[in-house]
Amino acid sequence: MKKSALKSYIREEIISVLSEEMSPAEATAKKANIAAAQEKIKDAQAQLQTATTPLEKNAATAALKAAQEDLKQANAIKESEDEDAEPSAADLKKKDSVTSAANKLQKLTAEMKKLAKEYQAAEGDKKEKIKDELKKMTAEKKKLEASL
């Protein structure tokens, strides 16, 4: 393939990819679908609360499940489009790198080991304070491990 033919092919591909983005009308329609599904859920919940007979309750439950499924589908479409979007600068700053999370986890583990030794030697109120602190650290440790 010649260089000029390659350039024109790449240019056409870029134009086709960029033209695939969602129009404002499509975005508005998708938001409307989500809002309609949420409204159906509210209506079905109201029907379920006012239902008195088992037949009415079954019908309201079925309507609620159908509305929830509609909402899941509408959100799934929205989420799949959101995943394709590039992360913003704020998103990139929010997330810790794997290395920094691993370093934090390592430091936290070392500190927890020190406190565990103090806990074994402590008695009374001091032991309770150390235990409370270890519980907080454990929760933080689990968050760090989940982020890795």
C-alpha atoms as a PDB file:
ATOM      1  CA  MET A   1       0.000   0.000   0.000  1.00  0.00           C
ATOM      2  CA  LYS A   2       1.351   3.381  -0.935  1.00  0.00           C
ATOM      3  CA  LYS A   3       1.944   6.008   1.684  1.00  0.00           C
ATOM      4  CA  SER A   4      -0.727   8.334   0.260  1.00  0.00           C
ATOM      5  CA  ALA A   5      -3.283   5.518   0.149  1.00  0.00           C
ATOM      6  CA  LEU A   6      -2.474   4.639   3.760  1.00  0.00           C
ATOM      7  CA  LYS A   7      -2.922   8.256   4.842  1.00  0.00           C
ATOM      8  CA  SER A   8      -6.303   8.519   3.155  1.00  0.00           C
ATOM      9  CA  TYR A   9      -7.410   5.197   4.661  1.00  0.00           C
ATOM     10  CA  ILE A  10      -6.419   6.310   8.160  1.00  0.00           C
ATOM     11  CA  ARG A  11      -8.156   9.660   7.656  1.00  0.00           C
ATOM     12  CA  GLU A  12     -11.377   7.907   6.580  1.00  0.00           C
ATOM     13  CA  GLU A  13     -11.234   5.554   9.557  1.00  0.00           C
ATOM     14  CA  ILE A  14     -10.776   8.432  11.986  1.00  0.00           C
ATOM     15  CA  ILE A  15     -13.688  10.317  10.467  1.00  0.00           C
ATOM     16  CA  SER A  16     -15.936   7.244  10.648  1.00  0.00           C
ATOM     17  CA  VAL A  17     -15.024   6.586  14.275  1.00  0.00           C
ATOM     18  CA  LEU A  18     -15.580  10.184  15.292  1.00  0.00           C
ATOM     19  CA  SER A  19     -18.914  10.344  13.502  1.00  0.00           C
ATOM     20  CA  GLU A  20     -20.164   7.367  15.534  1.00  0.00           C
ATOM     21  CA  GLU A  21     -20.435   9.463  18.694  1.00  0.00           C
ATOM     22  CA  MET A  22     -23.874   9.934  20.167  1.00  0.00           C
ATOM     23  CA  SER A  23     -25.890  12.888  19.014  1.00  0.00           C
ATOM     24  CA  PRO A  24     -27.587  15.172  21.576  1.00  0.00           C
ATOM     25  CA  ALA A  25     -30.965  13.774  20.509  1.00  0.00           C
ATOM     26  CA  GLU A  26     -29.810  10.209  21.228  1.00  0.00           C
ATOM     27  CA  ALA A  27     -28.462  11.238  24.619  1.00  0.00           C
ATOM     28  CA  THR A  28     -31.761  12.935  25.484  1.00  0.00           C
ATOM     29  CA  ALA A  29     -33.691   9.844  24.385  1.00  0.00           C
ATOM     30  CA  LYS A  30     -31.566   7.590  26.587  1.00  0.00           C
ATOM     31  CA  LYS A  31     -32.043   9.872  29.576  1.00  0.00           C
ATOM     32  CA  ALA A  32     -35.778   9.839  28.906  1.00  0.00           C
ATOM     33  CA  ASN A  33     -35.757   6.027  28.819  1.00  0.00           C
ATOM     34  CA  ILE A  34     -34.043   5.915  32.204  1.00  0.00           C
ATOM     35  CA  ALA A  35     -36.476   8.454  33.661  1.00  0.00           C
ATOM     36  CA  ALA A  36     -39.455   6.511  32.278  1.00  0.00           C
ATOM     37  CA  ALA A  37     -38.161   3.276  33.797  1.00  0.00           C
ATOM     38  CA  GLN A  38     -37.683   4.978  37.161  1.00  0.00           C
ATOM     39  CA  GLU A  39     -41.234   6.339  36.968  1.00  0.00           C
ATOM     40  CA  LYS A  40     -42.574   2.839  36.195  1.00  0.00           C
ATOM     41  CA  ILE A  41     -40.788   1.526  39.267  1.00  0.00           C
ATOM     42  CA  LYS A  42     -42.366   4.207  41.465  1.00  0.00           C
ATOM     43  CA  ASP A  43     -45.821   3.429  40.070  1.00  0.00           C
ATOM     44  CA  ALA A  44     -45.356  -0.316  40.580  1.00  0.00           C
ATOM     45  CA  GLN A  45     -44.163   0.246  44.154  1.00  0.00           C
ATOM     46  CA  ALA A  46     -47.231   2.381  44.849  1.00  0.00           C
ATOM     47  CA  GLN A  47     -49.490  -0.323  43.402  1.00  0.00           C
ATOM     48  CA  LEU A  48     -47.774  -2.945  45.526  1.00  0.00           C
ATOM     49  CA  GLN A  49     -48.325  -0.903  48.688  1.00  0.00           C
ATOM     50  CA  THR A  50     -52.012  -0.351  47.948  1.00  0.00           C
ATOM     51  CA  ALA A  51     -52.685  -3.926  46.804  1.00  0.00           C
ATOM     52  CA  THR A  52     -55.020  -5.814  49.089  1.00  0.00           C
ATOM     53  CA  THR A  53     -55.639  -9.142  47.374  1.00  0.00           C
ATOM     54  CA  PRO A  54     -52.975 -11.703  46.471  1.00  0.00           C
ATOM     55  CA  LEU A  55     -53.872 -11.300  42.789  1.00  0.00           C
ATOM     56  CA  GLU A  56     -53.240  -7.547  42.934  1.00  0.00           C
ATOM     57  CA  LYS A  57     -49.982  -8.115  44.809  1.00  0.00           C
ATOM     58  CA  ASN A  58     -48.787 -10.635  42.206  1.00  0.00           C
ATOM     59  CA  ALA A  59     -49.640  -8.254  39.361  1.00  0.00           C
ATOM     60  CA  ALA A  60     -47.886  -5.354  41.095  1.00  0.00           C
ATOM     61  CA  THR A  61     -44.830  -7.509  41.824  1.00  0.00           C
ATOM     62  CA  ALA A  62     -44.631  -8.588  38.185  1.00  0.00           C
ATOM     63  CA  ALA A  63     -44.919  -4.967  37.044  1.00  0.00           C
ATOM     64  CA  LEU A  64     -42.190  -3.964  39.497  1.00  0.00           C
ATOM     65  CA  LYS A  65     -39.840  -6.676  38.246  1.00  0.00           C
ATOM     66  CA  ALA A  66     -40.459  -5.682  34.622  1.00  0.00           C
ATOM     67  CA  ALA A  67     -39.794  -2.015  35.400  1.00  0.00           C
ATOM     68  CA  GLN A  68     -36.592  -2.900  37.258  1.00  0.00           C
ATOM     69  CA  GLU A  69     -35.426  -4.953  34.279  1.00  0.00           C
ATOM     70  CA  ASP A  70     -36.130  -1.992  31.964  1.00  0.00           C
ATOM     71  CA  LEU A  71     -34.052   0.240  34.213  1.00  0.00           C
ATOM     72  CA  LYS A  72     -31.190  -2.274  34.294  1.00  0.00           C
ATOM     73  CA  GLN A  73     -31.150  -2.410  30.499  1.00  0.00           C
ATOM     74  CA  ALA A  74     -31.221   1.373  30.155  1.00  0.00           C
ATOM     75  CA  ASN A  75     -28.396   1.739  32.679  1.00  0.00           C
ATOM     76  CA  ALA A  76     -26.370  -1.034  31.031  1.00  0.00           C
ATOM     77  CA  ILE A  77     -26.470   0.848  27.733  1.00  0.00           C
ATOM     78  CA  LYS A  78     -25.436   4.047  29.467  1.00  0.00           C
ATOM     79  CA  GLU A  79     -22.610   2.317  31.376  1.00  0.00           C
ATOM     80  CA  SER A  80     -21.228   0.633  28.278  1.00  0.00           C
ATOM     81  CA  GLU A  81     -21.009   4.028  26.602  1.00  0.00           C
ATOM     82  CA  ASP A  82     -19.414   5.553  29.699  1.00  0.00           C
ATOM     83  CA  GLU A  83     -16.747   2.836  29.696  1.00  0.00           C
ATOM     84  CA  ASP A  84     -15.735   3.812  26.171  1.00  0.00           C
ATOM     85  CA  ALA A  85     -15.145   7.414  27.221  1.00  0.00           C
ATOM     86  CA  GLU A  86     -11.645   8.538  28.118  1.00  0.00           C
ATOM     87  CA  PRO A  87     -11.057   9.156  31.837  1.00  0.00           C
ATOM     88  CA  SER A  88     -10.994  12.790  32.876  1.00  0.00           C
ATOM     89  CA  ALA A  89      -8.032  14.409  34.580  1.00  0.00           C
ATOM     90  CA  ALA A  90      -9.932  14.294  37.888  1.00  0.00           C
ATOM     91  CA  ASP A  91     -10.519  10.536  37.493  1.00  0.00           C
ATOM     92  CA  LEU A  92      -6.843   9.968  36.887  1.00  0.00           C
ATOM     93  CA  LYS A  93      -5.852  11.982  39.964  1.00  0.00           C
ATOM     94  CA  LYS A  94      -8.383  10.194  42.193  1.00  0.00           C
ATOM     95  CA  LYS A  95      -7.069   6.712  41.572  1.00  0.00           C
ATOM     96  CA  ASP A  96      -3.937   5.649  43.392  1.00  0.00           C
ATOM     97  CA  SER A  97      -1.416   3.741  41.419  1.00  0.00           C
ATOM     98  CA  VAL A  98      -0.928   0.084  42.241  1.00  0.00           C
ATOM     99  CA  THR A  99       2.529   0.831  43.574  1.00  0.00           C
ATOM    100  CA  SER A 100       1.386   3.502  46.018  1.00  0.00           C
ATOM    101  CA  ALA A 101      -1.510   1.329  47.202  1.00  0.00           C
ATOM    102  CA  ALA A 102       0.888  -1.568  47.752  1.00  0.00           C
ATOM    103  CA  ASN A 103       3.247   0.702  49.712  1.00  0.00           C
ATOM    104  CA  LYS A 104       0.393   1.964  51.883  1.00  0.00           C
ATOM    105  CA  LEU A 105      -0.717  -1.611  52.492  1.00  0.00           C
ATOM    106  CA  GLN A 106       2.798  -2.669  53.465  1.00  0.00           C
ATOM    107  CA  LYS A 107       3.173   0.225  55.942  1.00  0.00           C
ATOM    108  CA  LEU A 108      -0.272  -0.411  57.405  1.00  0.00           C
ATOM    109  CA  THR A 109       0.488  -4.107  57.884  1.00  0.00           C
ATOM    110  CA  ALA A 110       3.742  -3.312  59.667  1.00  0.00           C
ATOM    111  CA  GLU A 111       1.964  -0.855  61.962  1.00  0.00           C
ATOM    112  CA  MET A 112      -0.738  -3.418  62.704  1.00  0.00           C
ATOM    113  CA  LYS A 113       1.905  -5.961  63.696  1.00  0.00           C
ATOM    114  CA  LYS A 114       3.431  -3.458  66.140  1.00  0.00           C
ATOM    115  CA  LEU A 115       0.024  -2.756  67.635  1.00  0.00           C
ATOM    116  CA  ALA A 116      -0.691  -6.482  67.933  1.00  0.00           C
ATOM    117  CA  LYS A 117       2.447  -6.883  70.057  1.00  0.00           C
ATOM    118  CA  GLU A 118       1.390  -3.921  72.214  1.00  0.00           C
ATOM    119  CA  TYR A 119      -2.093  -5.434  72.512  1.00  0.00           C
ATOM    120  CA  GLN A 120      -0.673  -8.665  73.948  1.00  0.00           C
ATOM    121  CA  ALA A 121       1.237  -6.737  76.610  1.00  0.00           C
ATOM    122  CA  ALA A 122      -1.535  -4.226  77.406  1.00  0.00           C
ATOM    123  CA  GLU A 123      -4.293  -4.513  79.984  1.00  0.00           C
ATOM    124  CA  GLY A 124      -7.635  -2.838  80.673  1.00  0.00           C
ATOM    125  CA  ASP A 125      -8.618   0.368  78.854  1.00  0.00           C
ATOM    126  CA  LYS A 126      -5.381   0.515  76.887  1.00  0.00           C
ATOM    127  CA  LYS A 127      -6.130  -2.919  75.449  1.00  0.00           C
ATOM    128  CA  GLU A 128      -9.613  -1.778  74.358  1.00  0.00           C
ATOM    129  CA  LYS A 129      -8.203   1.353  72.660  1.00  0.00           C
ATOM    130  CA  ILE A 130      -5.654  -0.711  70.765  1.00  0.00           C
ATOM    131  CA  LYS A 131      -8.383  -3.164  69.730  1.00  0.00           C
ATOM    132  CA  ASP A 132     -10.555  -0.314  68.390  1.00  0.00           C
ATOM    133  CA  GLU A 133      -7.604   1.089  66.459  1.00  0.00           C
ATOM    134  CA  LEU A 134      -6.823  -2.350  65.009  1.00  0.00           C
ATOM    135  CA  LYS A 135     -10.438  -2.674  63.842  1.00  0.00           C
ATOM    136  CA  LYS A 136     -10.174   0.642  61.976  1.00  0.00           C
ATOM    137  CA  MET A 137      -6.884  -0.412  60.441  1.00  0.00           C
ATOM    138  CA  THR A 138      -8.355  -3.730  59.364  1.00  0.00           C
ATOM    139  CA  ALA A 139     -11.146  -1.954  57.512  1.00  0.00           C
ATOM    140  CA  GLU A 140      -8.620   0.294  55.796  1.00  0.00           C
ATOM    141  CA  LYS A 141      -6.471  -2.718  54.953  1.00  0.00           C
ATOM    142  CA  LYS A 142      -9.419  -4.450  53.295  1.00  0.00           C
ATOM    143  CA  LYS A 143     -10.092  -1.355  51.175  1.00  0.00           C
ATOM    144  CA  LEU A 144      -6.471  -1.247  50.052  1.00  0.00           C
ATOM    145  CA  GLU A 145      -6.474  -4.950  49.242  1.00  0.00           C
ATOM    146  CA  ALA A 146      -9.657  -4.516  47.219  1.00  0.00           C
ATOM    147  CA  SER A 147      -8.082  -1.690  45.231  1.00  0.00           C
ATOM    148  CA  LEU A 148      -5.191  -3.962  44.280  1.00  0.00           C
END
